[in-house]
Protein backbone atom coordinates (compact mmCIF):
# COMPACT_ATOMS: atom_id res chain seq x y z
CA MET A 1 28.18 -3.57 -14.45
CA SER A 2 28.43 -1.16 -11.53
CA LEU A 3 26.90 2.33 -11.77
CA ALA A 4 27.58 5.09 -9.26
CA GLY A 5 23.90 6.04 -9.08
CA ARG A 6 24.33 9.70 -10.03
CA THR A 7 22.11 9.43 -13.11
CA GLU A 8 18.43 9.17 -12.21
CA LYS A 9 17.41 7.15 -15.29
CA PRO A 10 20.44 5.27 -16.62
CA ALA A 11 20.22 3.56 -19.98
CA THR A 12 19.15 -0.08 -19.90
CA GLN A 13 22.07 -2.52 -20.09
CA PRO A 14 22.07 -6.15 -21.32
CA VAL A 15 24.06 -7.40 -18.30
CA PRO A 16 23.48 -7.60 -14.54
CA VAL A 17 23.71 -4.12 -13.02
CA ARG A 18 24.33 -2.88 -9.48
CA ILE A 19 23.83 0.78 -8.52
CA GLY A 20 25.56 2.68 -5.73
CA GLY A 21 28.99 2.91 -4.18
CA PHE A 22 30.89 0.16 -2.39
CA GLY A 23 31.87 2.14 0.69
CA GLY A 24 35.45 2.84 -0.30
CA ALA A 25 38.40 1.11 -1.91
CA ALA A 26 38.75 -1.58 0.76
CA ALA A 27 35.06 -2.48 0.48
CA LEU A 28 35.40 -2.70 -3.31
CA ALA A 29 38.33 -5.08 -2.83
CA ASP A 30 36.19 -7.23 -0.51
CA PHE A 31 33.40 -7.26 -3.12
CA LEU A 32 35.79 -8.42 -5.84
CA LYS A 33 37.21 -11.21 -3.67
CA ALA A 34 33.80 -12.38 -2.49
CA GLY A 35 32.47 -12.46 -6.04
CA GLY A 36 35.41 -14.43 -7.39
CA TYR A 37 36.13 -11.88 -10.10
CA ASP A 38 39.15 -12.30 -12.36
CA LEU A 39 39.24 -8.88 -13.99
CA LEU A 40 38.21 -5.30 -13.18
CA ILE A 41 37.53 -2.86 -16.02
CA ASP A 42 37.53 0.80 -15.06
CA ALA A 43 35.22 2.30 -17.68
CA THR A 44 34.06 5.30 -15.69
CA HIS A 45 34.06 8.95 -16.81
CA PRO A 46 37.56 10.44 -17.24
CA PHE A 47 36.75 12.94 -14.47
CA ALA A 48 35.57 10.36 -11.93
CA GLU A 49 39.00 10.41 -10.29
CA HIS A 50 37.84 9.00 -6.95
CA ILE A 51 36.24 5.95 -8.53
CA SER A 52 39.31 5.26 -10.69
CA ALA A 53 41.63 5.58 -7.68
CA ASN A 54 39.49 3.14 -5.68
CA ALA A 55 39.43 0.69 -8.58
CA ALA A 56 43.21 0.80 -8.97
CA PHE A 57 43.72 0.29 -5.22
CA ALA A 58 41.26 -2.62 -5.08
CA ALA A 59 42.86 -4.37 -8.05
CA GLU A 60 46.36 -3.97 -6.60
CA THR A 61 45.47 -5.18 -3.11
CA THR A 62 43.55 -8.22 -4.37
CA GLY A 63 45.93 -9.13 -7.18
CA ILE A 64 43.05 -9.05 -9.67
CA ALA A 65 43.92 -8.01 -13.22
CA ALA A 66 42.71 -4.55 -14.17
CA ILE A 67 42.48 -2.38 -17.26
CA ALA A 68 41.11 1.11 -17.77
CA LEU A 69 39.04 2.15 -20.76
CA ARG A 70 39.98 5.82 -21.22
CA ARG A 71 38.93 7.66 -24.33
CA PRO A 72 41.63 9.96 -25.72
CA GLU A 73 41.61 13.61 -24.73
CA TRP A 74 40.59 16.33 -27.15
CA HIS A 75 43.47 18.35 -28.55
CA ARG A 76 43.54 22.00 -29.50
CA GLY A 77 43.20 22.50 -33.25
CA PRO A 78 43.58 25.47 -35.61
CA GLY A 79 41.00 28.11 -34.72
CA ASP A 80 40.36 26.83 -31.18
CA ARG A 81 40.39 29.52 -28.49
CA TRP A 82 41.12 27.42 -25.41
CA GLN A 83 42.22 28.51 -21.99
CA VAL A 84 43.26 25.35 -20.14
CA VAL A 85 42.43 25.35 -16.41
CA GLN A 86 42.89 22.75 -13.70
CA ASN A 87 39.34 22.56 -12.32
CA ILE A 88 35.88 24.10 -12.50
CA PRO A 89 36.52 26.78 -9.80
CA ALA A 90 39.54 27.93 -11.81
CA ALA A 91 37.40 28.06 -14.95
CA ILE A 92 34.78 30.22 -13.22
CA GLU A 93 37.47 32.56 -11.93
CA ALA A 94 39.01 32.82 -15.40
CA LEU A 95 35.73 34.17 -16.78
CA GLY A 96 36.71 37.54 -15.34
CA PRO A 97 34.74 40.28 -13.60
CA SER A 98 32.69 41.55 -16.56
CA PRO A 99 29.32 39.85 -17.19
CA ARG A 100 29.46 37.12 -19.84
CA GLN A 101 27.07 34.65 -21.48
CA VAL A 102 28.40 31.31 -20.25
CA PHE A 103 27.51 27.83 -21.48
CA LEU A 104 28.31 25.66 -18.44
CA ALA A 105 28.70 22.28 -20.11
CA THR A 106 30.26 20.35 -17.23
CA GLY A 107 27.10 18.50 -16.14
CA ARG A 108 25.44 19.01 -12.79
CA GLN A 109 28.48 17.79 -10.82
CA GLY A 110 30.37 20.95 -9.96
CA ALA A 111 27.80 23.36 -11.40
CA HIS A 112 27.44 25.00 -7.98
CA HIS A 113 30.89 26.56 -8.40
CA ALA A 114 29.23 29.11 -10.70
CA GLU A 115 27.68 30.70 -7.61
CA ALA A 116 31.08 32.29 -6.93
CA ALA A 117 30.60 34.55 -9.97
CA PRO A 118 26.94 35.65 -10.03
CA GLN A 119 27.59 38.50 -12.47
CA HIS A 120 27.48 36.11 -15.45
CA HIS A 121 24.46 34.62 -17.20
CA TYR A 122 24.70 30.83 -17.22
CA LEU A 123 23.18 28.23 -19.49
CA VAL A 124 23.57 24.88 -17.70
CA ARG A 125 23.11 21.59 -19.56
CA SER A 126 22.90 18.29 -17.72
CA VAL A 127 21.29 14.87 -18.02
CA ASP A 128 19.48 15.24 -14.68
CA PRO A 129 18.29 18.41 -12.91
CA VAL A 130 20.75 20.40 -10.82
CA LYS A 131 19.61 19.90 -7.21
CA PRO A 132 19.30 22.17 -5.42
CA PRO A 133 19.01 24.80 -8.17
CA LEU A 134 21.87 27.26 -8.28
CA ALA A 135 21.53 30.31 -6.08
CA LEU A 136 21.80 32.62 -9.08
CA ASP A 137 19.44 35.14 -10.66
CA ASN A 138 20.75 34.65 -14.19
CA VAL A 139 20.65 30.97 -14.99
CA GLU A 140 18.80 28.73 -17.45
CA TYR A 141 18.74 24.95 -17.52
CA ILE A 142 18.63 22.43 -20.34
CA LEU A 143 18.09 18.72 -19.70
CA ASP A 144 19.58 16.71 -22.54
CA ARG A 145 21.80 13.71 -23.21
CA GLY A 146 24.35 13.36 -26.02
CA PRO A 147 25.39 12.64 -28.64
CA PHE A 148 24.93 16.17 -29.96
CA THR A 149 25.21 17.42 -33.55
CA LEU A 150 27.34 20.27 -34.82
CA GLU A 151 24.31 22.01 -36.32
CA GLY A 152 22.36 21.70 -33.08
CA GLU A 153 25.23 23.02 -30.98
CA CYS A 154 25.77 26.00 -33.28
CA ASP A 155 22.06 26.84 -33.07
CA LEU A 156 22.14 26.57 -29.27
CA LEU A 157 25.16 28.85 -28.92
CA ARG A 158 23.70 31.46 -31.25
CA GLN A 159 20.24 31.36 -29.67
CA HIS A 160 21.66 32.06 -26.21
CA HIS A 161 24.34 34.51 -27.40
CA ILE A 162 27.05 32.43 -25.73
CA ASP A 163 30.51 34.01 -25.70
CA VAL A 164 32.34 31.41 -23.57
CA ILE A 165 31.99 27.70 -22.85
CA VAL A 166 33.16 25.92 -19.71
CA ALA A 167 33.83 22.28 -20.58
CA LYS A 168 35.74 19.29 -19.24
CA ASN A 169 38.22 17.60 -21.55
CA SER A 170 36.15 14.43 -21.57
CA GLY A 171 37.24 13.21 -24.99
CA GLY A 172 35.13 11.07 -27.27
CA ALA A 173 32.67 11.97 -30.00
CA ALA A 174 29.37 12.24 -28.10
CA THR A 175 29.92 15.78 -26.80
CA TYR A 176 32.68 17.04 -29.10
CA ALA A 177 30.22 18.98 -31.27
CA LYS A 178 30.20 21.90 -28.82
CA ILE A 179 33.96 22.22 -29.23
CA GLU A 180 33.62 22.20 -33.01
CA ALA A 181 30.81 24.75 -32.79
CA ALA A 182 32.94 27.01 -30.59
CA ARG A 183 35.72 26.84 -33.18
CA LEU A 184 33.39 27.74 -36.03
CA LEU A 185 31.80 30.63 -34.14
CA GLY A 186 35.00 31.97 -32.59
CA ILE A 187 33.83 31.29 -29.02
CA GLU A 188 36.30 30.96 -26.17
CA VAL A 189 36.48 27.67 -24.26
CA MET A 190 37.59 27.28 -20.65
CA MET A 191 38.88 23.71 -20.95
CA VAL A 192 39.17 21.83 -17.66
CA ALA A 193 42.15 19.46 -17.86
CA ARG A 194 42.10 15.90 -16.61
CA ALA A 195 43.89 14.94 -13.45
CA PRO A 196 46.71 12.36 -13.74
CA ALA A 197 45.21 8.89 -14.06
CA PRO A 198 46.09 5.95 -11.76
CA MET A 199 48.81 3.62 -13.01
CA VAL A 200 46.60 0.95 -14.58
CA LYS A 201 47.02 -0.53 -18.06
CA ALA A 202 44.87 1.72 -20.25
CA VAL A 203 43.23 1.25 -23.64
CA ASP A 204 41.25 3.81 -25.60
CA THR A 205 38.65 1.75 -27.45
CA ILE A 206 36.24 -1.06 -26.61
CA GLU A 207 37.85 -3.15 -29.34
CA ALA A 208 41.25 -2.76 -27.68
CA ALA A 209 39.74 -3.71 -24.32
CA LEU A 210 38.25 -6.88 -25.81
CA ALA A 211 41.61 -7.76 -27.34
CA VAL A 212 43.29 -7.43 -23.92
CA ILE A 213 40.60 -9.61 -22.34
CA ASP A 214 41.09 -12.29 -24.99
CA HIS A 215 44.84 -12.20 -24.36
CA LEU A 216 44.49 -12.40 -20.57
CA PHE A 217 41.76 -15.01 -20.52
CA PRO A 218 41.43 -17.70 -23.19
CA PRO A 219 37.75 -18.69 -23.68
CA ALA A 220 37.91 -21.64 -21.30
CA MET A 221 39.15 -19.40 -18.46
CA LYS A 222 36.50 -16.64 -18.65
CA ARG A 223 34.40 -16.79 -15.47
CA GLY A 224 33.73 -13.36 -14.01
CA VAL A 225 34.56 -9.83 -15.17
């Protein structure tokens, strides 16, 4: 398993782990060839576009099989008040000029874009601290890791008088509770859309990924993934 190194204390994994980048797509391709790998699985965050692009390039140039594990996007449901935007700067701009109580739920990557609109009060939740802290007078920080509960998210939004959430359309169940809570409480969501994904065979569950692996590599062939 390869981790980018952006989380200070990643969860323990039952497989060999390397941490840190490869130095670009070409260097990743060299790593795959030198290691004798047969398959690359892109299981990174849906918004880690650079990593996914490098993985797709490395697989194509080396001829190594590749699949992407991409959890399905969230979809707007009855009662949702979404404004879909293309990126975090666009979400901050869409907040408007009047001061608002903003739950910035995009993690620490990209949180600095909030500095462009200092009139708002921000509640920032991330796994690791935002470094350096935002150059804002009205900001609070919460360090927490999902999964989150609907009850807990409703309590959080009420406690901080949140009237708008900025969130990435990450998909999955671990952080969906804030979207459900926004629906129940009538809170607006600035939903950051995903960028187009690289053209790699994609599956949306671990079970589907395992089925593809079993199809590509009968048990006697499995050497390195």
